[in-house]
Amino acid sequence: MMSDFTLVCDDATKLLIKSNEYDALHKLNIDLSVVHPCPLVCVTINPWSSDGRHYPIETFLKEMKASIGIPVFNVLSEEENHV
């Protein structure tokens, strides 16, 4: 079994893997690297979960903005503003 190496890809879109797959690579001491990093320019949030629960919109947005240093957008309110 291969282990102890770095897997290099062109960009992060080539590394769309699930967390359990990432964990398996980590256990094998396989590092991931990219030649052309994709900058994270914003985060979108959706206060509604797929199972029907929802989070208080203003609290969710406020907490996310306080947690990270990039713009955060609520996809539902942005959709309403641009339809």
C-alpha atoms as a PDB file:
ATOM      1  CA  MET A   1       0.000   0.000   0.000  1.00  0.00           C
ATOM      2  CA  MET A   2       1.309   3.447  -0.871  1.00  0.00           C
ATOM      3  CA  SER A   3       1.860   5.979   1.906  1.00  0.00           C
ATOM      4  CA  ASP A   4       4.099   8.843   3.000  1.00  0.00           C
ATOM      5  CA  PHE A   5       3.891  11.095  -0.053  1.00  0.00           C
ATOM      6  CA  THR A   6       2.280  14.314  -1.303  1.00  0.00           C
ATOM      7  CA  LEU A   7      -0.476  14.208  -3.908  1.00  0.00           C
ATOM      8  CA  VAL A   8      -0.213  17.351  -6.063  1.00  0.00           C
ATOM      9  CA  CYS A   9      -3.151  18.512  -8.196  1.00  0.00           C
ATOM     10  CA  ASP A  10      -3.639  21.464 -10.515  1.00  0.00           C
ATOM     11  CA  ASP A  11      -6.278  23.100  -8.285  1.00  0.00           C
ATOM     12  CA  ALA A  12      -8.624  22.275  -5.418  1.00  0.00           C
ATOM     13  CA  THR A  13     -11.533  21.386  -7.726  1.00  0.00           C
ATOM     14  CA  LYS A  14      -9.634  18.171  -8.491  1.00  0.00           C
ATOM     15  CA  LEU A  15      -9.763  17.270  -4.779  1.00  0.00           C
ATOM     16  CA  LEU A  16     -13.497  17.060  -4.137  1.00  0.00           C
ATOM     17  CA  ILE A  17     -13.412  14.332  -1.505  1.00  0.00           C
ATOM     18  CA  LYS A  18     -15.500  13.426   1.508  1.00  0.00           C
ATOM     19  CA  SER A  19     -14.205  13.905   5.038  1.00  0.00           C
ATOM     20  CA  ASN A  20     -13.830  10.158   5.619  1.00  0.00           C
ATOM     21  CA  GLU A  21     -11.695   9.931   2.448  1.00  0.00           C
ATOM     22  CA  TYR A  22      -9.548  12.816   3.689  1.00  0.00           C
ATOM     23  CA  ASP A  23      -9.187  11.069   7.052  1.00  0.00           C
ATOM     24  CA  ALA A  24      -8.047   7.872   5.304  1.00  0.00           C
ATOM     25  CA  LEU A  25      -5.396   9.814   3.356  1.00  0.00           C
ATOM     26  CA  HIS A  26      -4.245  11.474   6.568  1.00  0.00           C
ATOM     27  CA  LYS A  27      -3.884   8.100   8.312  1.00  0.00           C
ATOM     28  CA  LEU A  28      -1.674   6.954   5.434  1.00  0.00           C
ATOM     29  CA  ASN A  29       0.427  10.119   5.820  1.00  0.00           C
ATOM     30  CA  ILE A  30      -0.578  11.321   2.345  1.00  0.00           C
ATOM     31  CA  ASP A  31      -0.490  15.100   2.075  1.00  0.00           C
ATOM     32  CA  LEU A  32      -2.533  17.112  -0.420  1.00  0.00           C
ATOM     33  CA  SER A  33      -1.184  20.112  -2.297  1.00  0.00           C
ATOM     34  CA  VAL A  34      -2.272  22.275  -5.237  1.00  0.00           C
ATOM     35  CA  VAL A  35      -0.314  24.156  -7.882  1.00  0.00           C
ATOM     36  CA  HIS A  36      -2.945  26.890  -8.311  1.00  0.00           C
ATOM     37  CA  PRO A  37      -4.779  27.653  -5.038  1.00  0.00           C
ATOM     38  CA  CYS A  38      -8.397  28.832  -5.281  1.00  0.00           C
ATOM     39  CA  PRO A  39      -8.920  31.894  -3.094  1.00  0.00           C
ATOM     40  CA  LEU A  40     -11.928  31.793  -0.812  1.00  0.00           C
ATOM     41  CA  VAL A  41     -13.587  35.150  -1.489  1.00  0.00           C
ATOM     42  CA  CYS A  42     -16.886  34.709   0.369  1.00  0.00           C
ATOM     43  CA  VAL A  43     -19.108  32.236   2.201  1.00  0.00           C
ATOM     44  CA  THR A  44     -22.793  31.681   1.562  1.00  0.00           C
ATOM     45  CA  ILE A  45     -25.161  30.475   4.245  1.00  0.00           C
ATOM     46  CA  ASN A  46     -28.612  28.985   4.077  1.00  0.00           C
ATOM     47  CA  PRO A  47     -30.487  29.135   7.393  1.00  0.00           C
ATOM     48  CA  TRP A  48     -32.692  26.195   6.347  1.00  0.00           C
ATOM     49  CA  SER A  49     -31.410  22.643   6.664  1.00  0.00           C
ATOM     50  CA  SER A  50     -32.438  19.853   4.298  1.00  0.00           C
ATOM     51  CA  ASP A  51     -34.501  18.202   7.041  1.00  0.00           C
ATOM     52  CA  GLY A  52     -36.678  21.297   7.497  1.00  0.00           C
ATOM     53  CA  ARG A  53     -35.047  22.800  10.582  1.00  0.00           C
ATOM     54  CA  HIS A  54     -33.888  26.369  10.439  1.00  0.00           C
ATOM     55  CA  TYR A  55     -31.636  28.713  12.351  1.00  0.00           C
ATOM     56  CA  PRO A  56     -32.420  32.294  13.401  1.00  0.00           C
ATOM     57  CA  ILE A  57     -31.307  34.180  10.280  1.00  0.00           C
ATOM     58  CA  GLU A  58     -29.828  37.299  11.892  1.00  0.00           C
ATOM     59  CA  THR A  59     -28.032  35.348  14.637  1.00  0.00           C
ATOM     60  CA  PHE A  60     -26.641  32.844  12.145  1.00  0.00           C
ATOM     61  CA  LEU A  61     -25.400  35.598   9.823  1.00  0.00           C
ATOM     62  CA  LYS A  62     -23.931  37.648  12.702  1.00  0.00           C
ATOM     63  CA  GLU A  63     -22.076  34.650  14.189  1.00  0.00           C
ATOM     64  CA  MET A  64     -20.677  33.605  10.817  1.00  0.00           C
ATOM     65  CA  LYS A  65     -19.465  37.139  10.063  1.00  0.00           C
ATOM     66  CA  ALA A  66     -17.811  37.319  13.492  1.00  0.00           C
ATOM     67  CA  SER A  67     -16.088  33.961  12.958  1.00  0.00           C
ATOM     68  CA  ILE A  68     -14.406  34.575   9.607  1.00  0.00           C
ATOM     69  CA  GLY A  69     -12.678  37.480   7.907  1.00  0.00           C
ATOM     70  CA  ILE A  70     -14.414  37.355   4.525  1.00  0.00           C
ATOM     71  CA  PRO A  71     -17.898  38.428   3.326  1.00  0.00           C
ATOM     72  CA  VAL A  72     -20.853  36.214   4.277  1.00  0.00           C
ATOM     73  CA  PHE A  73     -24.099  36.196   2.300  1.00  0.00           C
ATOM     74  CA  ASN A  74     -27.462  34.671   3.157  1.00  0.00           C
ATOM     75  CA  VAL A  75     -28.468  32.916  -0.075  1.00  0.00           C
ATOM     76  CA  LEU A  76     -32.178  33.311   0.610  1.00  0.00           C
ATOM     77  CA  SER A  77     -32.128  37.073   1.197  1.00  0.00           C
ATOM     78  CA  GLU A  78     -29.720  37.615  -1.722  1.00  0.00           C
ATOM     79  CA  GLU A  79     -32.068  35.635  -3.953  1.00  0.00           C
ATOM     80  CA  GLU A  80     -35.036  37.780  -2.882  1.00  0.00           C
ATOM     81  CA  ASN A  81     -33.061  40.975  -3.571  1.00  0.00           C
ATOM     82  CA  HIS A  82     -32.078  39.935  -7.105  1.00  0.00           C
ATOM     83  CA  VAL A  83     -35.193  38.199  -8.447  1.00  0.00           C
END
